Amino acid sequence: MVSRRPRPSRVTHDQRAFLMALAGGLPAVIATIVLLWIGDFSPKVRWTFATLVVGVWLGFAGALRERVIHPLQTLSNMLAALREGDFTIRGRSTSREDPLGLAFFEANTLSETLRQQRLGALEASALLLRVMEEIDAAVFAFDSTRALRLVNRAGEKLLGRPVEHLLGRDAATLGLDEALGSAESGEAEPS
C-alpha cells in the first residue's frame, strides 16, 4: 500500500479565516439586499444601504483577517528569535484562558527556560576555565574527531605553543595520539 502525502493547501491560514468570515456574513448580506430590493425604497436608498452593508461586511472580514495575522506573525518572530539565541523578546497576551494567550505564555516560558540554561552553561564554562587555570597538571580536552577543544596553561607550556596554535588541531599533529589512545582504552599511563 502506497501512502500519499497530502498536497499542501494553496489557501493560507489567514485567507481561510477571511473566507470563513465572508461566508459567515454572506447570508445576512444577501437577506438585507433582497429586502432592500423587494421593499418600497427609492433606488438611492437601495444603493446607499446595499453599498454600506457590503462595505461593512468586507471591512469586518478584513479586520478579522488582520486580527488573525498579527499575533501569529508575532509568535513566529518570537520562535525565530529563540532559534537564533535571542531570549529577550517576549509575547504579550491578556489571558492564558484563550488558546493564543496560552501559546504566548508557553513561548515566553520556553524563552525563559532557554535563557536560564544558557546562563547555567556560561557559568559552568567560566567555572571550568577558572579551575583549569588553577590546575598545575596539563589538561587537554578532545572532541569525538580527536581535535583539541580545551587546554590549560600547563598544557601550553608542555607543548611549547600558545593556545591559538593548539585548538582545533588533531591529537596526532600535537604528538598526543598515543596518550589519547591509552586514555580511551582505560589504561592509565604514568606521567
N, C-alpha and C. Protein backbone atom coordinates (compact mmCIF):
# COMPACT_ATOMS: atom_id res chain seq x y z
N MET A 1 0.84 -1.17 0.00
CA MET A 1 0.00 0.00 0.00
C MET A 1 0.89 1.24 0.00
N VAL A 2 0.65 2.14 -0.90
CA VAL A 2 1.43 3.37 -1.02
C VAL A 2 0.69 4.48 -0.31
N SER A 3 1.37 5.09 0.66
CA SER A 3 0.72 6.21 1.34
C SER A 3 1.05 7.50 0.60
N ARG A 4 0.06 8.29 0.42
CA ARG A 4 0.25 9.55 -0.28
C ARG A 4 0.32 10.69 0.71
N ARG A 5 1.27 11.56 0.45
CA ARG A 5 1.38 12.75 1.29
C ARG A 5 0.30 13.72 0.88
N PRO A 6 -0.33 14.34 1.84
CA PRO A 6 -1.36 15.31 1.47
C PRO A 6 -0.72 16.50 0.74
N ARG A 7 -1.42 16.96 -0.28
CA ARG A 7 -0.90 18.11 -1.02
C ARG A 7 -1.03 19.36 -0.17
N PRO A 8 -0.01 20.21 -0.23
CA PRO A 8 -0.10 21.44 0.54
C PRO A 8 -1.26 22.30 0.05
N SER A 9 -1.96 22.90 1.00
CA SER A 9 -3.09 23.74 0.67
C SER A 9 -2.61 25.04 0.03
N ARG A 10 -3.31 25.45 -0.99
CA ARG A 10 -2.95 26.70 -1.65
C ARG A 10 -3.52 27.90 -0.91
N VAL A 11 -4.49 27.64 -0.06
CA VAL A 11 -5.12 28.71 0.71
C VAL A 11 -4.43 28.78 2.06
N THR A 12 -3.89 29.94 2.41
CA THR A 12 -3.19 30.09 3.68
C THR A 12 -4.18 30.21 4.84
N HIS A 13 -3.66 30.13 6.04
CA HIS A 13 -4.49 30.19 7.24
C HIS A 13 -5.27 31.50 7.32
N ASP A 14 -4.59 32.61 7.07
CA ASP A 14 -5.27 33.91 7.17
C ASP A 14 -6.31 34.05 6.05
N GLN A 15 -6.04 33.49 4.88
CA GLN A 15 -7.02 33.54 3.80
C GLN A 15 -8.25 32.70 4.14
N ARG A 16 -8.02 31.55 4.78
CA ARG A 16 -9.15 30.72 5.22
C ARG A 16 -10.01 31.47 6.23
N ALA A 17 -9.37 32.16 7.16
CA ALA A 17 -10.13 32.92 8.16
C ALA A 17 -10.94 34.02 7.47
N PHE A 18 -10.35 34.68 6.49
CA PHE A 18 -11.04 35.74 5.74
C PHE A 18 -12.23 35.16 4.99
N LEU A 19 -12.02 34.02 4.32
CA LEU A 19 -13.11 33.39 3.57
C LEU A 19 -14.24 32.92 4.49
N MET A 20 -13.86 32.41 5.67
CA MET A 20 -14.90 31.96 6.61
C MET A 20 -15.68 33.15 7.17
N ALA A 21 -15.00 34.28 7.39
CA ALA A 21 -15.71 35.48 7.84
C ALA A 21 -16.67 35.96 6.76
N LEU A 22 -16.22 35.90 5.51
CA LEU A 22 -17.11 36.28 4.40
C LEU A 22 -18.30 35.34 4.33
N ALA A 23 -18.03 34.03 4.46
CA ALA A 23 -19.11 33.05 4.39
C ALA A 23 -20.09 33.22 5.55
N GLY A 24 -19.58 33.56 6.72
CA GLY A 24 -20.45 33.76 7.88
C GLY A 24 -21.39 34.94 7.72
N GLY A 25 -20.93 35.98 7.06
CA GLY A 25 -21.76 37.18 6.89
C GLY A 25 -22.58 37.18 5.62
N LEU A 26 -22.26 36.27 4.69
CA LEU A 26 -22.93 36.27 3.38
C LEU A 26 -24.45 36.11 3.48
N PRO A 27 -24.99 35.19 4.27
CA PRO A 27 -26.47 35.09 4.33
C PRO A 27 -27.14 36.38 4.79
N ALA A 28 -26.57 37.04 5.77
CA ALA A 28 -27.16 38.29 6.26
C ALA A 28 -27.08 39.39 5.19
N VAL A 29 -25.97 39.44 4.47
CA VAL A 29 -25.81 40.45 3.42
C VAL A 29 -26.82 40.20 2.31
N ILE A 30 -26.96 38.94 1.89
CA ILE A 30 -27.92 38.61 0.82
C ILE A 30 -29.34 38.93 1.27
N ALA A 31 -29.68 38.54 2.51
CA ALA A 31 -31.03 38.81 3.02
C ALA A 31 -31.30 40.31 3.06
N THR A 32 -30.33 41.10 3.50
CA THR A 32 -30.51 42.55 3.58
C THR A 32 -30.71 43.15 2.19
N ILE A 33 -29.90 42.72 1.23
CA ILE A 33 -30.01 43.27 -0.12
C ILE A 33 -31.34 42.86 -0.76
N VAL A 34 -31.76 41.60 -0.55
CA VAL A 34 -33.05 41.16 -1.08
C VAL A 34 -34.18 41.99 -0.48
N LEU A 35 -34.15 42.20 0.83
CA LEU A 35 -35.20 43.00 1.48
C LEU A 35 -35.19 44.44 0.97
N LEU A 36 -34.00 44.98 0.70
CA LEU A 36 -33.93 46.34 0.15
C LEU A 36 -34.56 46.41 -1.24
N TRP A 37 -34.34 45.38 -2.04
CA TRP A 37 -34.83 45.43 -3.42
C TRP A 37 -36.32 45.09 -3.53
N ILE A 38 -36.83 44.25 -2.63
CA ILE A 38 -38.27 43.95 -2.73
C ILE A 38 -39.11 44.94 -1.93
N GLY A 39 -38.47 45.72 -1.09
CA GLY A 39 -39.18 46.71 -0.30
C GLY A 39 -39.51 47.96 -1.12
N ASP A 40 -40.28 48.82 -0.53
CA ASP A 40 -40.71 50.05 -1.20
C ASP A 40 -39.71 51.17 -0.87
N PHE A 41 -38.50 51.05 -1.46
CA PHE A 41 -37.45 52.04 -1.23
C PHE A 41 -37.04 52.66 -2.56
N SER A 42 -36.58 53.87 -2.48
CA SER A 42 -36.10 54.54 -3.71
C SER A 42 -34.76 53.92 -4.12
N PRO A 43 -34.39 54.02 -5.41
CA PRO A 43 -33.11 53.46 -5.86
C PRO A 43 -31.92 54.05 -5.10
N LYS A 44 -32.02 55.33 -4.73
CA LYS A 44 -30.92 55.96 -3.99
C LYS A 44 -30.73 55.28 -2.63
N VAL A 45 -31.81 54.99 -1.92
CA VAL A 45 -31.75 54.33 -0.62
C VAL A 45 -31.25 52.89 -0.79
N ARG A 46 -31.77 52.20 -1.82
CA ARG A 46 -31.33 50.82 -2.07
C ARG A 46 -29.83 50.75 -2.27
N TRP A 47 -29.30 51.58 -3.18
CA TRP A 47 -27.87 51.55 -3.49
C TRP A 47 -27.03 52.02 -2.32
N THR A 48 -27.49 53.01 -1.60
CA THR A 48 -26.73 53.51 -0.45
C THR A 48 -26.61 52.44 0.63
N PHE A 49 -27.76 51.85 0.99
CA PHE A 49 -27.71 50.84 2.05
C PHE A 49 -27.03 49.55 1.59
N ALA A 50 -27.20 49.17 0.34
CA ALA A 50 -26.52 47.97 -0.18
C ALA A 50 -25.01 48.18 -0.15
N THR A 51 -24.54 49.36 -0.57
CA THR A 51 -23.11 49.67 -0.53
C THR A 51 -22.60 49.69 0.90
N LEU A 52 -23.38 50.28 1.80
CA LEU A 52 -23.00 50.34 3.20
C LEU A 52 -22.90 48.94 3.81
N VAL A 53 -23.87 48.08 3.54
CA VAL A 53 -23.87 46.73 4.10
C VAL A 53 -22.69 45.93 3.56
N VAL A 54 -22.45 45.98 2.25
CA VAL A 54 -21.33 45.25 1.65
C VAL A 54 -20.00 45.80 2.16
N GLY A 55 -19.89 47.12 2.27
CA GLY A 55 -18.65 47.73 2.77
C GLY A 55 -18.34 47.34 4.21
N VAL A 56 -19.35 47.37 5.07
CA VAL A 56 -19.16 46.99 6.47
C VAL A 56 -18.80 45.50 6.56
N TRP A 57 -19.48 44.68 5.77
CA TRP A 57 -19.22 43.24 5.74
C TRP A 57 -17.77 42.96 5.34
N LEU A 58 -17.31 43.56 4.25
CA LEU A 58 -15.92 43.37 3.81
C LEU A 58 -14.92 43.96 4.80
N GLY A 59 -15.27 45.09 5.40
CA GLY A 59 -14.38 45.73 6.38
C GLY A 59 -14.16 44.87 7.62
N PHE A 60 -15.25 44.31 8.14
CA PHE A 60 -15.10 43.45 9.32
C PHE A 60 -14.39 42.14 8.99
N ALA A 61 -14.63 41.59 7.80
CA ALA A 61 -13.92 40.37 7.39
C ALA A 61 -12.43 40.66 7.27
N GLY A 62 -12.07 41.81 6.71
CA GLY A 62 -10.66 42.20 6.60
C GLY A 62 -10.03 42.44 7.96
N ALA A 63 -10.79 43.06 8.87
CA ALA A 63 -10.28 43.30 10.23
C ALA A 63 -10.04 41.98 10.95
N LEU A 64 -10.93 41.01 10.74
CA LEU A 64 -10.73 39.69 11.35
C LEU A 64 -9.46 39.05 10.83
N ARG A 65 -9.22 39.18 9.54
CA ARG A 65 -8.01 38.62 8.94
C ARG A 65 -6.77 39.23 9.59
N GLU A 66 -6.78 40.52 9.80
CA GLU A 66 -5.63 41.18 10.45
C GLU A 66 -5.48 40.73 11.91
N ARG A 67 -6.61 40.50 12.59
CA ARG A 67 -6.54 40.02 13.98
C ARG A 67 -5.97 38.61 14.05
N VAL A 68 -6.09 37.86 12.98
CA VAL A 68 -5.52 36.51 12.92
C VAL A 68 -4.03 36.60 12.59
N ILE A 69 -3.68 37.44 11.62
CA ILE A 69 -2.31 37.51 11.12
C ILE A 69 -1.33 38.07 12.15
N HIS A 70 -1.64 39.19 12.76
CA HIS A 70 -0.68 39.90 13.63
C HIS A 70 -0.16 39.04 14.78
N PRO A 71 -1.01 38.40 15.59
CA PRO A 71 -0.47 37.58 16.68
C PRO A 71 0.36 36.39 16.19
N LEU A 72 -0.05 35.80 15.07
CA LEU A 72 0.72 34.67 14.55
C LEU A 72 2.08 35.12 14.04
N GLN A 73 2.14 36.30 13.43
CA GLN A 73 3.44 36.83 12.99
C GLN A 73 4.32 37.12 14.20
N THR A 74 3.74 37.66 15.26
CA THR A 74 4.50 37.93 16.48
C THR A 74 5.04 36.63 17.07
N LEU A 75 4.21 35.62 17.14
CA LEU A 75 4.64 34.32 17.67
C LEU A 75 5.73 33.71 16.80
N SER A 76 5.58 33.83 15.50
CA SER A 76 6.60 33.33 14.57
C SER A 76 7.93 34.06 14.77
N ASN A 77 7.88 35.37 14.94
CA ASN A 77 9.10 36.15 15.19
C ASN A 77 9.75 35.75 16.51
N MET A 78 8.93 35.49 17.53
CA MET A 78 9.48 35.05 18.82
C MET A 78 10.23 33.73 18.67
N LEU A 79 9.62 32.78 17.97
CA LEU A 79 10.25 31.47 17.80
C LEU A 79 11.51 31.57 16.95
N ALA A 80 11.52 32.43 15.95
CA ALA A 80 12.73 32.64 15.14
C ALA A 80 13.84 33.23 16.00
N ALA A 81 13.48 34.18 16.88
CA ALA A 81 14.48 34.78 17.77
C ALA A 81 15.04 33.72 18.72
N LEU A 82 14.19 32.84 19.23
CA LEU A 82 14.67 31.77 20.11
C LEU A 82 15.63 30.86 19.38
N ARG A 83 15.30 30.52 18.13
CA ARG A 83 16.18 29.66 17.34
C ARG A 83 17.54 30.31 17.14
N GLU A 84 17.57 31.64 17.03
CA GLU A 84 18.83 32.36 16.83
C GLU A 84 19.54 32.70 18.14
N GLY A 85 18.94 32.31 19.26
CA GLY A 85 19.59 32.52 20.55
C GLY A 85 19.25 33.84 21.23
N ASP A 86 18.26 34.57 20.73
CA ASP A 86 17.84 35.82 21.36
C ASP A 86 16.65 35.52 22.27
N PHE A 87 16.89 35.60 23.58
CA PHE A 87 15.85 35.25 24.55
C PHE A 87 15.20 36.48 25.17
N THR A 88 15.40 37.65 24.59
CA THR A 88 14.88 38.89 25.16
C THR A 88 13.48 39.23 24.68
N ILE A 89 13.06 38.68 23.57
CA ILE A 89 11.74 39.02 23.02
C ILE A 89 10.66 38.28 23.80
N ARG A 90 9.64 39.01 24.17
CA ARG A 90 8.51 38.43 24.91
C ARG A 90 7.22 38.73 24.17
N GLY A 91 6.29 37.78 24.22
CA GLY A 91 4.97 37.99 23.65
C GLY A 91 4.03 38.48 24.73
N ARG A 92 3.12 39.34 24.34
CA ARG A 92 2.17 39.90 25.29
C ARG A 92 0.78 39.34 25.01
N SER A 93 0.12 38.91 26.04
CA SER A 93 -1.24 38.42 25.90
C SER A 93 -2.00 38.77 27.17
N THR A 94 -3.29 38.96 27.00
CA THR A 94 -4.10 39.37 28.14
C THR A 94 -4.50 38.22 29.05
N SER A 95 -4.62 37.02 28.49
CA SER A 95 -5.13 35.92 29.30
C SER A 95 -4.55 34.59 28.85
N ARG A 96 -4.32 33.72 29.82
CA ARG A 96 -3.90 32.35 29.49
C ARG A 96 -5.12 31.47 29.26
N GLU A 97 -6.30 32.04 29.35
CA GLU A 97 -7.53 31.27 29.18
C GLU A 97 -7.83 31.00 27.71
N ASP A 98 -7.39 31.90 26.81
CA ASP A 98 -7.65 31.65 25.40
C ASP A 98 -6.45 30.96 24.76
N PRO A 99 -6.66 30.23 23.67
CA PRO A 99 -5.56 29.46 23.06
C PRO A 99 -4.36 30.31 22.63
N LEU A 100 -4.60 31.49 22.09
CA LEU A 100 -3.50 32.34 21.66
C LEU A 100 -2.70 32.83 22.87
N GLY A 101 -3.38 33.21 23.93
CA GLY A 101 -2.71 33.63 25.15
C GLY A 101 -1.88 32.51 25.74
N LEU A 102 -2.40 31.30 25.68
CA LEU A 102 -1.67 30.14 26.18
C LEU A 102 -0.42 29.88 25.32
N ALA A 103 -0.55 30.05 24.00
CA ALA A 103 0.62 29.87 23.11
C ALA A 103 1.69 30.90 23.44
N PHE A 104 1.31 32.15 23.68
CA PHE A 104 2.29 33.17 24.05
C PHE A 104 2.91 32.87 25.41
N PHE A 105 2.11 32.40 26.36
CA PHE A 105 2.63 32.04 27.67
C PHE A 105 3.67 30.93 27.54
N GLU A 106 3.36 29.90 26.75
CA GLU A 106 4.29 28.78 26.57
C GLU A 106 5.58 29.23 25.86
N ALA A 107 5.44 30.11 24.86
CA ALA A 107 6.63 30.62 24.16
C ALA A 107 7.48 31.45 25.12
N ASN A 108 6.86 32.25 25.96
CA ASN A 108 7.60 33.04 26.95
C ASN A 108 8.29 32.13 27.96
N THR A 109 7.60 31.07 28.38
CA THR A 109 8.18 30.11 29.32
C THR A 109 9.37 29.40 28.70
N LEU A 110 9.23 28.99 27.44
CA LEU A 110 10.34 28.35 26.72
C LEU A 110 11.53 29.31 26.63
N SER A 111 11.26 30.56 26.32
CA SER A 111 12.32 31.56 26.23
C SER A 111 13.06 31.70 27.56
N GLU A 112 12.32 31.76 28.65
CA GLU A 112 12.94 31.89 29.97
C GLU A 112 13.75 30.64 30.33
N THR A 113 13.22 29.47 30.01
CA THR A 113 13.93 28.22 30.27
C THR A 113 15.25 28.17 29.50
N LEU A 114 15.20 28.51 28.21
CA LEU A 114 16.41 28.51 27.39
C LEU A 114 17.42 29.54 27.89
N ARG A 115 16.91 30.69 28.34
CA ARG A 115 17.81 31.73 28.87
C ARG A 115 18.51 31.23 30.12
N GLN A 116 17.76 30.58 31.01
CA GLN A 116 18.34 30.03 32.24
C GLN A 116 19.37 28.94 31.92
N GLN A 117 19.07 28.10 30.94
CA GLN A 117 20.01 27.05 30.55
C GLN A 117 21.29 27.66 29.98
N ARG A 118 21.14 28.69 29.16
CA ARG A 118 22.33 29.33 28.59
C ARG A 118 23.16 29.97 29.70
N LEU A 119 22.52 30.65 30.65
CA LEU A 119 23.27 31.25 31.76
C LEU A 119 23.98 30.18 32.58
N GLY A 120 23.29 29.06 32.82
CA GLY A 120 23.92 27.96 33.56
C GLY A 120 25.12 27.40 32.82
N ALA A 121 25.00 27.25 31.51
CA ALA A 121 26.11 26.74 30.71
C ALA A 121 27.28 27.72 30.72
N LEU A 122 26.98 29.01 30.62
CA LEU A 122 28.05 30.02 30.66
C LEU A 122 28.75 30.02 32.01
N GLU A 123 27.98 29.91 33.08
CA GLU A 123 28.58 29.86 34.42
C GLU A 123 29.44 28.61 34.59
N ALA A 124 28.94 27.47 34.10
CA ALA A 124 29.70 26.23 34.20
C ALA A 124 30.98 26.32 33.38
N SER A 125 30.91 26.91 32.20
CA SER A 125 32.11 27.08 31.37
C SER A 125 33.11 27.99 32.04
N ALA A 126 32.62 29.08 32.62
CA ALA A 126 33.53 30.01 33.30
C ALA A 126 34.19 29.32 34.50
N LEU A 127 33.43 28.53 35.24
CA LEU A 127 33.99 27.81 36.38
C LEU A 127 35.02 26.78 35.91
N LEU A 128 34.71 26.04 34.85
CA LEU A 128 35.64 25.06 34.31
C LEU A 128 36.94 25.73 33.87
N LEU A 129 36.83 26.85 33.17
CA LEU A 129 38.04 27.55 32.73
C LEU A 129 38.85 28.04 33.92
N ARG A 130 38.18 28.52 34.94
CA ARG A 130 38.86 29.00 36.15
C ARG A 130 39.59 27.85 36.84
N VAL A 131 38.92 26.71 36.97
CA VAL A 131 39.53 25.55 37.62
C VAL A 131 40.71 25.07 36.79
N MET A 132 40.55 25.03 35.48
CA MET A 132 41.64 24.58 34.62
C MET A 132 42.86 25.49 34.71
N GLU A 133 42.63 26.78 34.89
CA GLU A 133 43.75 27.71 35.01
C GLU A 133 44.53 27.46 36.30
N GLU A 134 43.85 26.99 37.33
CA GLU A 134 44.49 26.79 38.62
C GLU A 134 45.18 25.43 38.75
N ILE A 135 44.86 24.49 37.89
CA ILE A 135 45.47 23.16 37.96
C ILE A 135 46.90 23.23 37.41
N ASP A 136 47.85 22.64 38.15
CA ASP A 136 49.24 22.65 37.71
C ASP A 136 49.53 21.58 36.66
N ALA A 137 48.72 20.56 36.59
CA ALA A 137 48.92 19.49 35.61
C ALA A 137 48.37 19.91 34.26
N ALA A 138 48.97 19.39 33.20
CA ALA A 138 48.49 19.69 31.86
C ALA A 138 47.15 18.99 31.62
N VAL A 139 46.17 19.75 31.14
CA VAL A 139 44.84 19.21 30.88
C VAL A 139 44.50 19.48 29.41
N PHE A 140 44.11 18.41 28.70
CA PHE A 140 43.71 18.52 27.31
C PHE A 140 42.33 17.90 27.16
N ALA A 141 41.46 18.55 26.42
CA ALA A 141 40.13 18.00 26.14
C ALA A 141 39.96 17.90 24.63
N PHE A 142 39.63 16.68 24.16
CA PHE A 142 39.46 16.43 22.75
C PHE A 142 38.00 16.09 22.46
N ASP A 143 37.54 16.41 21.25
CA ASP A 143 36.19 16.03 20.85
C ASP A 143 36.21 14.65 20.19
N SER A 144 35.08 14.24 19.67
CA SER A 144 34.97 12.90 19.09
C SER A 144 35.81 12.71 17.83
N THR A 145 36.21 13.80 17.18
CA THR A 145 37.06 13.69 15.99
C THR A 145 38.54 13.79 16.37
N ARG A 146 38.83 13.75 17.66
CA ARG A 146 40.19 13.81 18.21
C ARG A 146 40.84 15.17 17.99
N ALA A 147 40.01 16.22 17.88
CA ALA A 147 40.53 17.59 17.75
C ALA A 147 40.56 18.21 19.14
N LEU A 148 41.62 18.96 19.42
CA LEU A 148 41.77 19.60 20.73
C LEU A 148 40.76 20.74 20.86
N ARG A 149 39.99 20.73 21.92
CA ARG A 149 38.98 21.76 22.15
C ARG A 149 39.29 22.63 23.36
N LEU A 150 40.10 22.11 24.29
CA LEU A 150 40.37 22.85 25.52
C LEU A 150 41.74 22.47 26.04
N VAL A 151 42.51 23.47 26.46
CA VAL A 151 43.84 23.23 27.03
C VAL A 151 44.10 24.31 28.07
N ASN A 152 44.82 23.95 29.12
CA ASN A 152 45.15 24.94 30.15
C ASN A 152 46.58 25.44 29.94
N ARG A 153 47.01 26.36 30.82
CA ARG A 153 48.36 26.95 30.70
C ARG A 153 49.46 25.90 30.81
N ALA A 154 49.27 24.94 31.70
CA ALA A 154 50.28 23.89 31.86
C ALA A 154 50.40 23.08 30.56
N GLY A 155 49.28 22.85 29.86
CA GLY A 155 49.32 22.15 28.58
C GLY A 155 50.03 22.97 27.52
N GLU A 156 49.81 24.28 27.54
CA GLU A 156 50.52 25.17 26.60
C GLU A 156 52.03 25.07 26.83
N LYS A 157 52.43 25.12 28.12
CA LYS A 157 53.85 25.05 28.45
C LYS A 157 54.45 23.72 28.01
N LEU A 158 53.71 22.62 28.27
CA LEU A 158 54.19 21.30 27.93
C LEU A 158 54.45 21.17 26.42
N LEU A 159 53.52 21.71 25.61
CA LEU A 159 53.67 21.61 24.16
C LEU A 159 54.50 22.75 23.57
N GLY A 160 54.75 23.78 24.36
CA GLY A 160 55.59 24.89 23.92
C GLY A 160 54.97 25.76 22.84
N ARG A 161 53.64 25.81 22.79
CA ARG A 161 52.94 26.64 21.81
C ARG A 161 51.77 27.34 22.48
N PRO A 162 51.40 28.53 21.97
CA PRO A 162 50.25 29.23 22.55
C PRO A 162 48.94 28.53 22.18
N VAL A 163 47.91 28.79 22.97
CA VAL A 163 46.62 28.13 22.82
C VAL A 163 46.04 28.34 21.41
N GLU A 164 46.28 29.51 20.80
CA GLU A 164 45.75 29.79 19.47
C GLU A 164 46.27 28.80 18.43
N HIS A 165 47.52 28.29 18.63
CA HIS A 165 48.12 27.35 17.69
C HIS A 165 47.77 25.91 18.02
N LEU A 166 47.12 25.68 19.15
CA LEU A 166 46.80 24.32 19.57
C LEU A 166 45.35 23.93 19.31
N LEU A 167 44.42 24.82 19.60
CA LEU A 167 43.00 24.49 19.50
C LEU A 167 42.61 24.12 18.06
N GLY A 168 41.84 23.07 17.93
CA GLY A 168 41.37 22.61 16.63
C GLY A 168 42.28 21.61 15.96
N ARG A 169 43.51 21.46 16.45
CA ARG A 169 44.45 20.50 15.85
C ARG A 169 44.13 19.11 16.37
N ASP A 170 44.44 18.11 15.55
CA ASP A 170 44.14 16.75 15.99
C ASP A 170 45.28 16.21 16.87
N ALA A 171 44.97 15.16 17.61
CA ALA A 171 45.90 14.60 18.59
C ALA A 171 47.20 14.15 17.94
N ALA A 172 47.15 13.58 16.74
CA ALA A 172 48.36 13.10 16.06
C ALA A 172 49.29 14.27 15.75
N THR A 173 48.75 15.38 15.26
CA THR A 173 49.56 16.55 14.93
C THR A 173 50.25 17.11 16.17
N LEU A 174 49.58 17.03 17.30
CA LEU A 174 50.13 17.55 18.54
C LEU A 174 51.07 16.56 19.23
N GLY A 175 51.16 15.36 18.73
CA GLY A 175 52.01 14.35 19.35
C GLY A 175 51.36 13.71 20.57
N LEU A 176 50.05 13.81 20.68
CA LEU A 176 49.33 13.27 21.84
C LEU A 176 48.47 12.07 21.47
N ASP A 177 48.63 11.58 20.26
CA ASP A 177 47.78 10.48 19.79
C ASP A 177 47.96 9.23 20.65
N GLU A 178 49.20 8.92 21.00
CA GLU A 178 49.47 7.73 21.80
C GLU A 178 48.87 7.87 23.20
N ALA A 179 49.03 9.04 23.80
CA ALA A 179 48.48 9.27 25.15
C ALA A 179 46.95 9.24 25.10
N LEU A 180 46.36 9.80 24.07
CA LEU A 180 44.91 9.80 23.93
C LEU A 180 44.39 8.39 23.70
N GLY A 181 45.12 7.60 22.93
CA GLY A 181 44.72 6.21 22.68
C GLY A 181 44.71 5.39 23.94
N SER A 182 45.70 5.55 24.80
CA SER A 182 45.74 4.78 26.05
C SER A 182 44.68 5.27 27.02
N ALA A 183 44.34 6.56 26.97
CA ALA A 183 43.30 7.08 27.86
C ALA A 183 41.94 6.55 27.43
N GLU A 184 41.73 6.37 26.12
CA GLU A 184 40.45 5.85 25.64
C GLU A 184 40.26 4.39 25.97
N SER A 185 41.37 3.63 26.00
CA SER A 185 41.25 2.19 26.29
C SER A 185 41.12 1.92 27.78
N GLY A 186 41.26 2.96 28.60
CA GLY A 186 41.08 2.81 30.03
C GLY A 186 42.37 2.57 30.77
N GLU A 187 43.49 2.49 30.07
CA GLU A 187 44.77 2.29 30.73
C GLU A 187 45.29 3.62 31.22
N ALA A 188 45.90 3.59 32.35
CA ALA A 188 46.50 4.81 32.89
C ALA A 188 47.99 4.73 32.69
N GLU A 189 48.53 5.74 32.04
CA GLU A 189 49.97 5.79 31.83
C GLU A 189 50.59 6.72 32.84
N PRO A 190 51.71 6.34 33.40
CA PRO A 190 52.35 7.26 34.35
C PRO A 190 52.89 8.46 33.58
N SER A 191 52.82 9.63 34.22
CA SER A 191 53.35 10.82 33.56
C SER A 191 54.66 11.24 34.14
